[in-house]
């Protein structure tokens, strides 16, 4: 008997029966997190569900990687639009946020 661990709803992949996105599991897996540590990060998941999600990803890797790339591009587009809106409507706040970001980046090794 085969168990389905992933469903797609409203364009998003989720671990079946939960609100946890497949994205979250895949990104953790790609960072090298073990299935056990993924369960620790998402206590609503069982170890079986995490292994099922990883197996689904590996079986559909090209499709899911494309889905993730599209999601990242959409996020970056929204982020750029938000920054431009903030720059136009609240220039002082934008200036302070940019200064803080520059300082933080200067401290990175």
Protein backbone atom coordinates (compact mmCIF):
# COMPACT_ATOMS: atom_id res chain seq x y z
CA UNK A 1 0.00 0.00 0.00
CA UNK A 2 1.32 3.42 -0.96
CA UNK A 3 0.91 6.44 1.31
CA UNK A 4 0.76 9.95 -0.10
CA UNK A 5 2.70 12.46 1.96
CA UNK A 6 2.35 15.60 -0.15
CA UNK A 7 -0.64 17.42 -1.53
CA UNK A 8 -0.83 20.47 -3.69
CA UNK A 9 -3.43 23.08 -2.82
CA UNK A 10 -3.82 26.58 -4.22
CA UNK A 11 -0.49 26.25 -5.99
CA UNK A 12 1.44 25.31 -2.84
CA UNK A 13 2.89 21.95 -1.85
CA UNK A 14 2.18 20.91 1.75
CA UNK A 15 2.89 17.89 3.88
CA UNK A 16 -0.47 16.13 3.80
CA UNK A 17 -2.63 16.79 6.84
CA UNK A 18 -0.46 19.69 8.04
CA UNK A 19 0.17 23.34 7.29
CA UNK A 20 3.91 22.67 6.83
CA UNK A 21 5.11 23.52 3.34
CA UNK A 22 7.20 21.11 1.33
CA UNK A 23 9.48 24.14 0.78
CA UNK A 24 10.35 24.19 4.48
CA UNK A 25 11.29 20.52 4.54
CA UNK A 26 13.25 20.73 1.28
CA UNK A 27 15.24 23.81 2.31
CA UNK A 28 16.14 22.16 5.62
CA UNK A 29 17.13 18.97 3.79
CA UNK A 30 19.26 20.94 1.32
CA UNK A 31 21.04 22.67 4.23
CA UNK A 32 22.01 19.23 5.49
CA UNK A 33 19.49 18.89 8.32
CA UNK A 34 18.73 15.33 9.31
CA UNK A 35 15.13 14.10 9.21
CA UNK A 36 15.22 13.97 13.02
CA UNK A 37 16.25 17.61 13.27
CA UNK A 38 13.54 18.58 10.77
CA UNK A 39 10.99 16.89 13.05
CA UNK A 40 12.42 18.93 15.94
CA UNK A 41 11.91 22.10 13.92
CA UNK A 42 8.39 21.13 12.87
CA UNK A 43 6.83 19.23 15.78
CA UNK A 44 3.55 18.78 13.88
CA UNK A 45 5.41 16.38 11.56
CA UNK A 46 6.24 12.77 12.22
CA UNK A 47 9.51 11.22 11.17
CA UNK A 48 7.58 9.18 8.61
CA UNK A 49 6.10 12.36 7.10
CA UNK A 50 9.54 13.96 6.84
CA UNK A 51 10.99 10.91 5.10
CA UNK A 52 7.91 10.85 2.85
CA UNK A 53 8.37 14.53 1.97
CA UNK A 54 12.06 14.02 1.20
CA UNK A 55 11.25 10.97 -0.91
CA UNK A 56 8.62 12.96 -2.80
CA UNK A 57 11.14 15.74 -3.40
CA UNK A 58 13.79 13.33 -4.68
CA UNK A 59 11.26 11.64 -6.99
CA UNK A 60 10.13 15.03 -8.38
CA UNK A 61 13.35 17.00 -7.93
CA UNK A 62 13.33 18.90 -11.23
CA UNK A 63 9.67 19.93 -10.85
CA UNK A 64 10.07 20.99 -7.20
CA UNK A 65 13.33 22.85 -7.85
CA UNK A 66 11.56 24.83 -10.60
CA UNK A 67 8.65 25.53 -8.23
CA UNK A 68 11.11 26.77 -5.60
CA UNK A 69 12.96 28.97 -8.13
CA UNK A 70 9.67 30.56 -9.21
CA UNK A 71 8.73 31.18 -5.59
CA UNK A 72 12.09 32.82 -4.88
CA UNK A 73 11.77 35.04 -7.97
CA UNK A 74 8.25 36.10 -6.95
CA UNK A 75 9.48 36.87 -3.43
CA UNK A 76 12.35 38.99 -4.75
CA UNK A 77 9.96 40.87 -7.05
CA UNK A 78 7.57 41.62 -4.16
CA UNK A 79 10.51 42.63 -1.98
CA UNK A 80 11.80 45.06 -4.60
CA UNK A 81 8.31 46.55 -5.01
CA UNK A 82 7.96 46.91 -1.24
CA UNK A 83 11.35 48.61 -0.94
CA UNK A 84 10.48 51.04 -3.75
CA UNK A 85 7.13 51.84 -2.13
CA UNK A 86 8.84 52.40 1.21
CA UNK A 87 11.49 54.60 -0.41
CA UNK A 88 8.79 56.78 -2.00
CA UNK A 89 6.35 56.99 0.90
CA UNK A 90 8.67 56.99 3.94
CA UNK A 91 12.07 58.20 2.80
CA UNK A 92 13.46 58.78 6.30
CA UNK A 93 12.56 55.28 7.46
CA UNK A 94 13.98 53.85 4.24
CA UNK A 95 17.22 55.76 4.76
CA UNK A 96 17.55 54.45 8.34
CA UNK A 97 16.83 50.86 7.29
CA UNK A 98 19.38 51.06 4.48
CA UNK A 99 21.98 52.48 6.87
CA UNK A 100 21.34 49.64 9.34
CA UNK A 101 21.60 47.07 6.53
CA UNK A 102 24.90 48.56 5.35
CA UNK A 103 26.29 48.49 8.88
CA UNK A 104 25.24 44.85 9.34
CA UNK A 105 26.84 43.84 6.04
CA UNK A 106 30.05 45.65 6.96
CA UNK A 107 30.30 43.51 10.11
CA UNK A 108 30.04 40.22 8.22
CA UNK A 109 33.31 38.33 7.85
